[in-house]
Amino acid sequence: MNLGLAILVVAVSTALAVVAMLLVRRKAPDGSYFHDGDRAAGVFGLLATGFAVVVGFVVFLAFTSYDAARSGAESEARIVAQQVETAQLMPANVRDRLTQQLVCYARSVAGVQWDRMESGTLGEDLNPWGVRLFRTLKDADPQTATEQAAYSKWLDERSAREEARSDRIHGAIGVIPTPLWYVLFFTSALIFVYMLFFADSGERALVQGMMMGTVIAVVVSLLLLLQVLDNPFHAGVGGLRPDAMRRTLLIIDQELTPAQRGTKLPCDTRGNAL
């Protein structure tokens, strides 16, 4: 989420809550609507504690998924760079094709694939260059000890790359189930309504507004934090970006020979097949 938009949401929500409190305060009795303030505060403490426990658990769950997506993106980029090195030891009939398709794979991850993750349209689709890499690999016929070792190493790296990709795209679909969002919003609404019953015509308006404003600001901020962690792929503050794969593309460019760099690739700069 954009930082400016998040600040605006918190500010508007807080302002509306403060206005609601001040409006209710006009007709509220002296000492609030509660006859026993200590008992009411105890009930509110129970309500707030329950909300805090649920939010804490969900933050942990969402951050675990967020961190797994970040680690998966970094691991995938590192493995692609390693596969480029391994490709140089593969049989000559597939060496250049594997190298070119790996570059296109990296471009696709940093380009169209990342855009689809941000928009939530990636789904279960495979990376098309991953499929082409597998088809090219079937044409390999390693003969020497070096080629056979490289072939075996490639298979291990391919499995590790696919596992890292799965970790990356897992975070794109979100891990917080819809019923849990319903509970969070319902509890937030209960806290807001319960706070209105603390309206006290005998208390200063500034104090009443501060009491309501701080509670609502914290609640809204926590909900926005959950939304960011549950949808980590975005261009706003805290969003995951394809920096690791872009860095890998620079590393690959340095590792390739001038002849390989001069070869026309079967994709554009964003990984679309030509």
C-alpha atoms as a PDB file:
ATOM      1  CA  MET A   1       0.000   0.000   0.000  1.00  0.00           C
ATOM      2  CA  ASN A   2       1.148   3.519  -0.767  1.00  0.00           C
ATOM      3  CA  LEU A   3       2.447   5.256   2.368  1.00  0.00           C
ATOM      4  CA  GLY A   4       0.519   8.433   1.651  1.00  0.00           C
ATOM      5  CA  LEU A   5      -2.703   6.493   1.184  1.00  0.00           C
ATOM      6  CA  ALA A   6      -2.119   4.582   4.428  1.00  0.00           C
ATOM      7  CA  ILE A   7      -1.566   7.813   6.360  1.00  0.00           C
ATOM      8  CA  LEU A   8      -4.714   9.258   4.797  1.00  0.00           C
ATOM      9  CA  VAL A   9      -6.768   6.190   5.781  1.00  0.00           C
ATOM     10  CA  VAL A  10      -5.535   6.371   9.383  1.00  0.00           C
ATOM     11  CA  ALA A  11      -6.118  10.128   9.573  1.00  0.00           C
ATOM     12  CA  VAL A  12      -9.628   9.983   8.096  1.00  0.00           C
ATOM     13  CA  SER A  13     -10.651   7.007  10.257  1.00  0.00           C
ATOM     14  CA  THR A  14      -9.339   8.707  13.387  1.00  0.00           C
ATOM     15  CA  ALA A  15     -11.025  12.003  12.543  1.00  0.00           C
ATOM     16  CA  LEU A  16     -14.385  10.334  11.917  1.00  0.00           C
ATOM     17  CA  ALA A  17     -14.129   8.388  15.170  1.00  0.00           C
ATOM     18  CA  VAL A  18     -13.282  11.550  17.135  1.00  0.00           C
ATOM     19  CA  VAL A  19     -16.219  13.401  15.561  1.00  0.00           C
ATOM     20  CA  ALA A  20     -18.537  10.527  16.472  1.00  0.00           C
ATOM     21  CA  MET A  21     -17.301  10.583  20.070  1.00  0.00           C
ATOM     22  CA  LEU A  22     -17.806  14.340  20.385  1.00  0.00           C
ATOM     23  CA  LEU A  23     -21.306  14.113  18.926  1.00  0.00           C
ATOM     24  CA  VAL A  24     -22.287  11.366  21.373  1.00  0.00           C
ATOM     25  CA  ARG A  25     -20.655  13.356  24.200  1.00  0.00           C
ATOM     26  CA  ARG A  26     -23.128  16.207  23.758  1.00  0.00           C
ATOM     27  CA  LYS A  27     -26.013  14.146  25.132  1.00  0.00           C
ATOM     28  CA  ALA A  28     -23.983  11.815  27.324  1.00  0.00           C
ATOM     29  CA  PRO A  29     -24.538  11.924  31.114  1.00  0.00           C
ATOM     30  CA  ASP A  30     -21.870  13.230  33.432  1.00  0.00           C
ATOM     31  CA  GLY A  31     -19.563  10.308  34.193  1.00  0.00           C
ATOM     32  CA  SER A  32     -20.299   8.371  30.954  1.00  0.00           C
ATOM     33  CA  TYR A  33     -23.098   5.931  30.206  1.00  0.00           C
ATOM     34  CA  PHE A  34     -21.597   3.372  32.556  1.00  0.00           C
ATOM     35  CA  HIS A  35     -22.692   3.476  36.179  1.00  0.00           C
ATOM     36  CA  ASP A  36     -19.657   1.417  37.253  1.00  0.00           C
ATOM     37  CA  GLY A  37     -16.668   2.699  35.323  1.00  0.00           C
ATOM     38  CA  ASP A  38     -14.250   0.138  36.782  1.00  0.00           C
ATOM     39  CA  ARG A  39     -16.401  -2.756  35.654  1.00  0.00           C
ATOM     40  CA  ALA A  40     -16.774  -1.232  32.189  1.00  0.00           C
ATOM     41  CA  ALA A  41     -13.006  -0.714  31.958  1.00  0.00           C
ATOM     42  CA  GLY A  42     -12.497  -4.368  32.881  1.00  0.00           C
ATOM     43  CA  VAL A  43     -14.806  -5.524  30.099  1.00  0.00           C
ATOM     44  CA  PHE A  44     -13.052  -3.227  27.643  1.00  0.00           C
ATOM     45  CA  GLY A  45      -9.710  -4.645  28.765  1.00  0.00           C
ATOM     46  CA  LEU A  46     -10.971  -8.157  27.997  1.00  0.00           C
ATOM     47  CA  LEU A  47     -12.216  -7.039  24.581  1.00  0.00           C
ATOM     48  CA  ALA A  48      -8.957  -5.262  23.746  1.00  0.00           C
ATOM     49  CA  THR A  49      -6.864  -8.191  24.969  1.00  0.00           C
ATOM     50  CA  GLY A  50      -8.777 -10.620  22.773  1.00  0.00           C
ATOM     51  CA  PHE A  51      -8.258  -8.339  19.781  1.00  0.00           C
ATOM     52  CA  ALA A  52      -4.549  -7.980  20.566  1.00  0.00           C
ATOM     53  CA  VAL A  53      -4.067 -11.752  20.859  1.00  0.00           C
ATOM     54  CA  VAL A  54      -5.775 -12.420  17.529  1.00  0.00           C
ATOM     55  CA  VAL A  55      -3.848  -9.626  15.788  1.00  0.00           C
ATOM     56  CA  GLY A  56      -0.561 -10.840  17.263  1.00  0.00           C
ATOM     57  CA  PHE A  57      -1.173 -14.357  15.985  1.00  0.00           C
ATOM     58  CA  VAL A  58      -2.197 -13.119  12.536  1.00  0.00           C
ATOM     59  CA  VAL A  59       0.803 -10.769  12.292  1.00  0.00           C
ATOM     60  CA  PHE A  60       3.096 -13.701  13.071  1.00  0.00           C
ATOM     61  CA  LEU A  61       1.360 -15.843  10.439  1.00  0.00           C
ATOM     62  CA  ALA A  62       1.448 -13.112   7.792  1.00  0.00           C
ATOM     63  CA  PHE A  63       5.053 -12.135   8.513  1.00  0.00           C
ATOM     64  CA  THR A  64       6.140 -15.772   8.225  1.00  0.00           C
ATOM     65  CA  SER A  65       4.594 -15.921   4.749  1.00  0.00           C
ATOM     66  CA  TYR A  66       6.083 -12.508   3.873  1.00  0.00           C
ATOM     67  CA  ASP A  67       9.568 -13.609   4.921  1.00  0.00           C
ATOM     68  CA  ALA A  68       9.229 -16.911   3.053  1.00  0.00           C
ATOM     69  CA  ALA A  69       8.292 -15.033  -0.136  1.00  0.00           C
ATOM     70  CA  ARG A  70      11.276 -12.705   0.276  1.00  0.00           C
ATOM     71  CA  SER A  71      13.662 -15.593   0.950  1.00  0.00           C
ATOM     72  CA  GLY A  72      12.231 -17.566  -1.964  1.00  0.00           C
ATOM     73  CA  ALA A  73      12.786 -14.658  -4.370  1.00  0.00           C
ATOM     74  CA  GLU A  74      16.396 -14.273  -3.234  1.00  0.00           C
ATOM     75  CA  SER A  75      17.080 -18.019  -3.401  1.00  0.00           C
ATOM     76  CA  GLU A  76      15.553 -18.305  -6.856  1.00  0.00           C
ATOM     77  CA  ALA A  77      17.725 -15.470  -8.147  1.00  0.00           C
ATOM     78  CA  ARG A  78      20.877 -17.004  -6.662  1.00  0.00           C
ATOM     79  CA  ILE A  79      20.121 -20.419  -8.148  1.00  0.00           C
ATOM     80  CA  VAL A  80      19.495 -18.957 -11.609  1.00  0.00           C
ATOM     81  CA  ALA A  81      22.955 -17.385 -11.511  1.00  0.00           C
ATOM     82  CA  GLN A  82      24.425 -20.737 -10.491  1.00  0.00           C
ATOM     83  CA  GLN A  83      22.569 -22.516 -13.300  1.00  0.00           C
ATOM     84  CA  VAL A  84      24.098 -20.149 -15.844  1.00  0.00           C
ATOM     85  CA  GLU A  85      27.537 -21.290 -14.669  1.00  0.00           C
ATOM     86  CA  THR A  86      26.453 -24.937 -14.796  1.00  0.00           C
ATOM     87  CA  ALA A  87      25.094 -24.459 -18.321  1.00  0.00           C
ATOM     88  CA  GLN A  88      28.570 -23.599 -19.580  1.00  0.00           C
ATOM     89  CA  LEU A  89      29.660 -27.170 -18.731  1.00  0.00           C
ATOM     90  CA  MET A  90      26.718 -28.850 -20.457  1.00  0.00           C
ATOM     91  CA  PRO A  91      26.934 -30.520 -23.906  1.00  0.00           C
ATOM     92  CA  ALA A  92      27.584 -28.081 -26.723  1.00  0.00           C
ATOM     93  CA  ASN A  93      24.263 -28.731 -28.481  1.00  0.00           C
ATOM     94  CA  VAL A  94      22.268 -27.336 -25.543  1.00  0.00           C
ATOM     95  CA  ARG A  95      24.753 -25.000 -23.853  1.00  0.00           C
ATOM     96  CA  ASP A  96      23.819 -21.772 -25.613  1.00  0.00           C
ATOM     97  CA  ARG A  97      20.085 -22.484 -25.623  1.00  0.00           C
ATOM     98  CA  LEU A  98      20.069 -23.144 -21.883  1.00  0.00           C
ATOM     99  CA  THR A  99      22.014 -19.947 -21.236  1.00  0.00           C
ATOM    100  CA  GLN A 100      19.679 -17.839 -23.348  1.00  0.00           C
ATOM    101  CA  GLN A 101      16.570 -19.360 -21.812  1.00  0.00           C
ATOM    102  CA  LEU A 102      17.915 -18.779 -18.301  1.00  0.00           C
ATOM    103  CA  VAL A 103      18.380 -15.096 -19.110  1.00  0.00           C
ATOM    104  CA  CYS A 104      14.809 -14.991 -20.415  1.00  0.00           C
ATOM    105  CA  TYR A 105      13.640 -16.806 -17.289  1.00  0.00           C
ATOM    106  CA  ALA A 106      15.268 -14.152 -15.111  1.00  0.00           C
ATOM    107  CA  ARG A 107      13.824 -11.350 -17.226  1.00  0.00           C
ATOM    108  CA  SER A 108      10.375 -12.919 -17.011  1.00  0.00           C
ATOM    109  CA  VAL A 109      10.529 -13.186 -13.210  1.00  0.00           C
ATOM    110  CA  ALA A 110      11.623  -9.562 -12.873  1.00  0.00           C
ATOM    111  CA  GLY A 111       9.145  -8.427 -15.539  1.00  0.00           C
ATOM    112  CA  VAL A 112       5.819  -9.941 -16.521  1.00  0.00           C
ATOM    113  CA  GLN A 113       5.757 -12.589 -13.785  1.00  0.00           C
ATOM    114  CA  TRP A 114       6.269  -9.994 -11.052  1.00  0.00           C
ATOM    115  CA  ASP A 115       3.569  -7.768 -12.519  1.00  0.00           C
ATOM    116  CA  ARG A 116       1.135 -10.677 -12.470  1.00  0.00           C
ATOM    117  CA  MET A 117       1.966 -11.395  -8.835  1.00  0.00           C
ATOM    118  CA  GLU A 118       1.238  -7.776  -7.938  1.00  0.00           C
ATOM    119  CA  SER A 119      -2.089  -7.892  -9.769  1.00  0.00           C
ATOM    120  CA  GLY A 120      -2.968 -11.317  -8.343  1.00  0.00           C
ATOM    121  CA  THR A 121      -3.366 -12.951 -11.778  1.00  0.00           C
ATOM    122  CA  LEU A 122      -0.433 -15.373 -11.693  1.00  0.00           C
ATOM    123  CA  GLY A 123      -2.483 -18.246 -10.322  1.00  0.00           C
ATOM    124  CA  GLU A 124      -1.003 -21.692 -10.907  1.00  0.00           C
ATOM    125  CA  ASP A 125       0.615 -20.810 -14.235  1.00  0.00           C
ATOM    126  CA  LEU A 126       4.155 -22.021 -14.748  1.00  0.00           C
ATOM    127  CA  ASN A 127       6.958 -19.812 -15.925  1.00  0.00           C
ATOM    128  CA  PRO A 128       6.993 -20.539 -19.691  1.00  0.00           C
ATOM    129  CA  TRP A 129      10.779 -20.355 -19.750  1.00  0.00           C
ATOM    130  CA  GLY A 130      10.981 -23.013 -17.072  1.00  0.00           C
ATOM    131  CA  VAL A 131       9.051 -25.309 -19.394  1.00  0.00           C
ATOM    132  CA  ARG A 132      11.368 -24.497 -22.306  1.00  0.00           C
ATOM    133  CA  LEU A 133      14.421 -25.146 -20.159  1.00  0.00           C
ATOM    134  CA  PHE A 134      13.104 -28.620 -19.364  1.00  0.00           C
ATOM    135  CA  ARG A 135      12.429 -29.370 -23.017  1.00  0.00           C
ATOM    136  CA  THR A 136      15.897 -28.225 -23.993  1.00  0.00           C
ATOM    137  CA  LEU A 137      17.425 -30.345 -21.236  1.00  0.00           C
ATOM    138  CA  LYS A 138      15.847 -33.473 -22.773  1.00  0.00           C
ATOM    139  CA  ASP A 139      18.016 -32.903 -25.868  1.00  0.00           C
ATOM    140  CA  ALA A 140      21.194 -33.090 -23.786  1.00  0.00           C
ATOM    141  CA  ASP A 141      23.335 -36.217 -24.156  1.00  0.00           C
ATOM    142  CA  PRO A 142      26.253 -35.850 -21.738  1.00  0.00           C
ATOM    143  CA  GLN A 143      29.279 -37.901 -22.710  1.00  0.00           C
ATOM    144  CA  THR A 144      32.294 -36.695 -20.773  1.00  0.00           C
ATOM    145  CA  ALA A 145      32.646 -36.854 -16.992  1.00  0.00           C
ATOM    146  CA  THR A 146      32.365 -33.059 -16.825  1.00  0.00           C
ATOM    147  CA  GLU A 147      29.150 -33.008 -18.841  1.00  0.00           C
ATOM    148  CA  GLN A 148      27.637 -35.812 -16.777  1.00  0.00           C
ATOM    149  CA  ALA A 149      28.511 -34.053 -13.523  1.00  0.00           C
ATOM    150  CA  ALA A 150      27.054 -30.794 -14.874  1.00  0.00           C
ATOM    151  CA  TYR A 151      23.874 -32.617 -15.956  1.00  0.00           C
ATOM    152  CA  SER A 152      23.407 -34.103 -12.495  1.00  0.00           C
ATOM    153  CA  LYS A 153      24.128 -30.738 -10.862  1.00  0.00           C
ATOM    154  CA  TRP A 154      21.619 -29.045 -13.164  1.00  0.00           C
ATOM    155  CA  LEU A 155      18.845 -31.384 -12.055  1.00  0.00           C
ATOM    156  CA  ASP A 156      19.573 -30.587  -8.398  1.00  0.00           C
ATOM    157  CA  GLU A 157      19.608 -26.855  -9.113  1.00  0.00           C
ATOM    158  CA  ARG A 158      16.387 -27.107 -11.085  1.00  0.00           C
ATOM    159  CA  SER A 159      14.613 -28.745  -8.142  1.00  0.00           C
ATOM    160  CA  ALA A 160      15.955 -26.088  -5.770  1.00  0.00           C
ATOM    161  CA  ARG A 161      14.882 -23.325  -8.160  1.00  0.00           C
ATOM    162  CA  GLU A 162      11.335 -24.650  -8.422  1.00  0.00           C
ATOM    163  CA  GLU A 163      11.108 -24.942  -4.650  1.00  0.00           C
ATOM    164  CA  ALA A 164      12.297 -21.357  -4.234  1.00  0.00           C
ATOM    165  CA  ARG A 165       9.776 -20.228  -6.860  1.00  0.00           C
ATOM    166  CA  SER A 166       6.986 -21.962  -4.948  1.00  0.00           C
ATOM    167  CA  ASP A 167       7.988 -20.097  -1.785  1.00  0.00           C
ATOM    168  CA  ARG A 168       7.969 -16.827  -3.725  1.00  0.00           C
ATOM    169  CA  ILE A 169       4.561 -17.182  -5.340  1.00  0.00           C
ATOM    170  CA  HIS A 170       2.980 -18.617  -2.177  1.00  0.00           C
ATOM    171  CA  GLY A 171       3.013 -15.138  -0.630  1.00  0.00           C
ATOM    172  CA  ALA A 172       1.219 -13.654  -3.646  1.00  0.00           C
ATOM    173  CA  ILE A 173      -2.096 -15.319  -2.808  1.00  0.00           C
ATOM    174  CA  GLY A 174      -2.219 -14.221   0.849  1.00  0.00           C
ATOM    175  CA  VAL A 175      -2.380 -16.491   3.879  1.00  0.00           C
ATOM    176  CA  ILE A 176      -5.046 -14.784   6.006  1.00  0.00           C
ATOM    177  CA  PRO A 177      -8.392 -16.547   5.368  1.00  0.00           C
ATOM    178  CA  THR A 178     -11.470 -14.431   4.728  1.00  0.00           C
ATOM    179  CA  PRO A 179     -13.312 -15.518   7.923  1.00  0.00           C
ATOM    180  CA  LEU A 180     -10.383 -14.236   9.957  1.00  0.00           C
ATOM    181  CA  TRP A 181     -10.671 -10.844   8.267  1.00  0.00           C
ATOM    182  CA  TYR A 182     -14.381 -10.838   9.200  1.00  0.00           C
ATOM    183  CA  VAL A 183     -13.490 -11.488  12.831  1.00  0.00           C
ATOM    184  CA  LEU A 184     -10.894  -8.729  12.860  1.00  0.00           C
ATOM    185  CA  PHE A 185     -13.243  -6.137  11.368  1.00  0.00           C
ATOM    186  CA  PHE A 186     -16.124  -7.233  13.607  1.00  0.00           C
ATOM    187  CA  THR A 187     -13.937  -6.939  16.715  1.00  0.00           C
ATOM    188  CA  SER A 188     -12.685  -3.544  15.566  1.00  0.00           C
ATOM    189  CA  ALA A 189     -16.281  -2.363  15.168  1.00  0.00           C
ATOM    190  CA  LEU A 190     -17.125  -3.638  18.660  1.00  0.00           C
ATOM    191  CA  ILE A 191     -14.209  -1.713  20.134  1.00  0.00           C
ATOM    192  CA  PHE A 192     -15.363   1.457  18.387  1.00  0.00           C
ATOM    193  CA  VAL A 193     -18.973   1.101  19.580  1.00  0.00           C
ATOM    194  CA  TYR A 194     -17.892   0.235  23.115  1.00  0.00           C
ATOM    195  CA  MET A 195     -15.675   3.314  23.213  1.00  0.00           C
ATOM    196  CA  LEU A 196     -18.692   5.506  22.432  1.00  0.00           C
ATOM    197  CA  PHE A 197     -20.278   4.467  25.724  1.00  0.00           C
ATOM    198  CA  PHE A 198     -17.350   6.112  27.513  1.00  0.00           C
ATOM    199  CA  ALA A 199     -18.587   9.487  26.234  1.00  0.00           C
ATOM    200  CA  ASP A 200     -18.709  11.846  29.227  1.00  0.00           C
ATOM    201  CA  SER A 201     -20.203  15.330  29.094  1.00  0.00           C
ATOM    202  CA  GLY A 202     -18.316  16.213  32.247  1.00  0.00           C
ATOM    203  CA  GLU A 203     -14.937  15.449  30.661  1.00  0.00           C
ATOM    204  CA  ARG A 204     -13.133  17.918  28.419  1.00  0.00           C
ATOM    205  CA  ALA A 205     -13.668  17.438  24.687  1.00  0.00           C
ATOM    206  CA  LEU A 206      -9.910  17.260  24.089  1.00  0.00           C
ATOM    207  CA  VAL A 207      -9.541  14.338  26.480  1.00  0.00           C
ATOM    208  CA  GLN A 208     -12.516  12.504  24.988  1.00  0.00           C
ATOM    209  CA  GLY A 209     -11.250  13.034  21.459  1.00  0.00           C
ATOM    210  CA  MET A 210      -7.738  11.884  22.405  1.00  0.00           C
ATOM    211  CA  MET A 211      -9.093   8.747  24.052  1.00  0.00           C
ATOM    212  CA  MET A 212     -11.111   7.718  21.023  1.00  0.00           C
ATOM    213  CA  GLY A 213      -8.545   8.873  18.457  1.00  0.00           C
ATOM    214  CA  THR A 214      -5.606   6.924  19.875  1.00  0.00           C
ATOM    215  CA  VAL A 215      -7.590   3.680  20.089  1.00  0.00           C
ATOM    216  CA  ILE A 216      -8.929   3.915  16.539  1.00  0.00           C
ATOM    217  CA  ALA A 217      -5.548   4.999  15.133  1.00  0.00           C
ATOM    218  CA  VAL A 218      -3.889   1.917  16.632  1.00  0.00           C
ATOM    219  CA  VAL A 219      -6.629  -0.451  15.428  1.00  0.00           C
ATOM    220  CA  VAL A 220      -6.619   0.912  11.871  1.00  0.00           C
ATOM    221  CA  SER A 221      -2.809   0.902  11.719  1.00  0.00           C
ATOM    222  CA  LEU A 222      -2.705  -2.758  12.736  1.00  0.00           C
ATOM    223  CA  LEU A 223      -5.274  -3.705  10.101  1.00  0.00           C
ATOM    224  CA  LEU A 224      -3.268  -1.864   7.439  1.00  0.00           C
ATOM    225  CA  LEU A 225      -0.110  -3.654   8.578  1.00  0.00           C
ATOM    226  CA  LEU A 226      -1.849  -6.994   8.157  1.00  0.00           C
ATOM    227  CA  GLN A 227      -2.971  -6.014   4.676  1.00  0.00           C
ATOM    228  CA  VAL A 228       0.615  -5.149   3.688  1.00  0.00           C
ATOM    229  CA  LEU A 229       2.034  -8.396   5.071  1.00  0.00           C
ATOM    230  CA  ASP A 230      -0.723 -10.463   3.486  1.00  0.00           C
ATOM    231  CA  ASN A 231      -0.073  -8.900   0.055  1.00  0.00           C
ATOM    232  CA  PRO A 232       3.717  -8.432  -0.034  1.00  0.00           C
ATOM    233  CA  PHE A 233       4.086  -7.811  -3.762  1.00  0.00           C
ATOM    234  CA  HIS A 234       3.402  -4.138  -4.374  1.00  0.00           C
ATOM    235  CA  ALA A 235       5.309  -0.966  -5.206  1.00  0.00           C
ATOM    236  CA  GLY A 236       4.561   0.790  -1.914  1.00  0.00           C
ATOM    237  CA  VAL A 237       6.548   0.942   1.308  1.00  0.00           C
ATOM    238  CA  GLY A 238       7.475  -2.534   2.514  1.00  0.00           C
ATOM    239  CA  GLY A 239       6.538  -4.198  -0.765  1.00  0.00           C
ATOM    240  CA  LEU A 240       8.781  -6.869  -2.236  1.00  0.00           C
ATOM    241  CA  ARG A 241      10.512  -5.920  -5.464  1.00  0.00           C
ATOM    242  CA  PRO A 242      12.498  -8.084  -7.943  1.00  0.00           C
ATOM    243  CA  ASP A 243      15.801  -6.537  -6.865  1.00  0.00           C
ATOM    244  CA  ALA A 244      17.510  -9.917  -6.369  1.00  0.00           C
ATOM    245  CA  MET A 245      16.650 -11.130  -9.878  1.00  0.00           C
ATOM    246  CA  ARG A 246      17.672  -7.813 -11.413  1.00  0.00           C
ATOM    247  CA  ARG A 247      20.990  -8.151  -9.634  1.00  0.00           C
ATOM    248  CA  THR A 248      21.299 -11.675 -11.032  1.00  0.00           C
ATOM    249  CA  LEU A 249      20.789 -10.350 -14.548  1.00  0.00           C
ATOM    250  CA  LEU A 250      23.726  -7.992 -14.036  1.00  0.00           C
ATOM    251  CA  ILE A 251      25.857 -10.859 -12.711  1.00  0.00           C
ATOM    252  CA  ILE A 252      24.934 -13.056 -15.676  1.00  0.00           C
ATOM    253  CA  ASP A 253      25.856 -10.295 -18.090  1.00  0.00           C
ATOM    254  CA  GLN A 254      29.316 -10.107 -16.522  1.00  0.00           C
ATOM    255  CA  GLU A 255      29.787 -13.893 -16.658  1.00  0.00           C
ATOM    256  CA  LEU A 256      28.875 -14.328 -20.331  1.00  0.00           C
ATOM    257  CA  THR A 257      31.444 -14.061 -23.081  1.00  0.00           C
ATOM    258  CA  PRO A 258      31.245 -11.164 -25.587  1.00  0.00           C
ATOM    259  CA  ALA A 259      29.958 -13.601 -28.205  1.00  0.00           C
ATOM    260  CA  GLN A 260      27.190 -14.831 -25.887  1.00  0.00           C
ATOM    261  CA  ARG A 261      26.208 -11.280 -24.962  1.00  0.00           C
ATOM    262  CA  GLY A 262      25.973 -10.416 -28.641  1.00  0.00           C
ATOM    263  CA  THR A 263      23.606 -13.291 -29.409  1.00  0.00           C
ATOM    264  CA  LYS A 264      19.997 -12.303 -30.031  1.00  0.00           C
ATOM    265  CA  LEU A 265      17.809 -13.597 -27.206  1.00  0.00           C
ATOM    266  CA  PRO A 266      14.407 -15.235 -27.830  1.00  0.00           C
ATOM    267  CA  CYS A 267      12.694 -12.711 -25.511  1.00  0.00           C
ATOM    268  CA  ASP A 268      12.378  -8.992 -24.901  1.00  0.00           C
ATOM    269  CA  THR A 269      13.633  -7.111 -21.849  1.00  0.00           C
ATOM    270  CA  ARG A 270      10.558  -8.107 -19.818  1.00  0.00           C
ATOM    271  CA  GLY A 271      10.748 -11.795 -20.610  1.00  0.00           C
ATOM    272  CA  ASN A 272       8.056 -11.974 -23.290  1.00  0.00           C
ATOM    273  CA  ALA A 273       8.801 -14.540 -25.966  1.00  0.00           C
ATOM    274  CA  LEU A 274       9.598 -13.122 -29.384  1.00  0.00           C
END
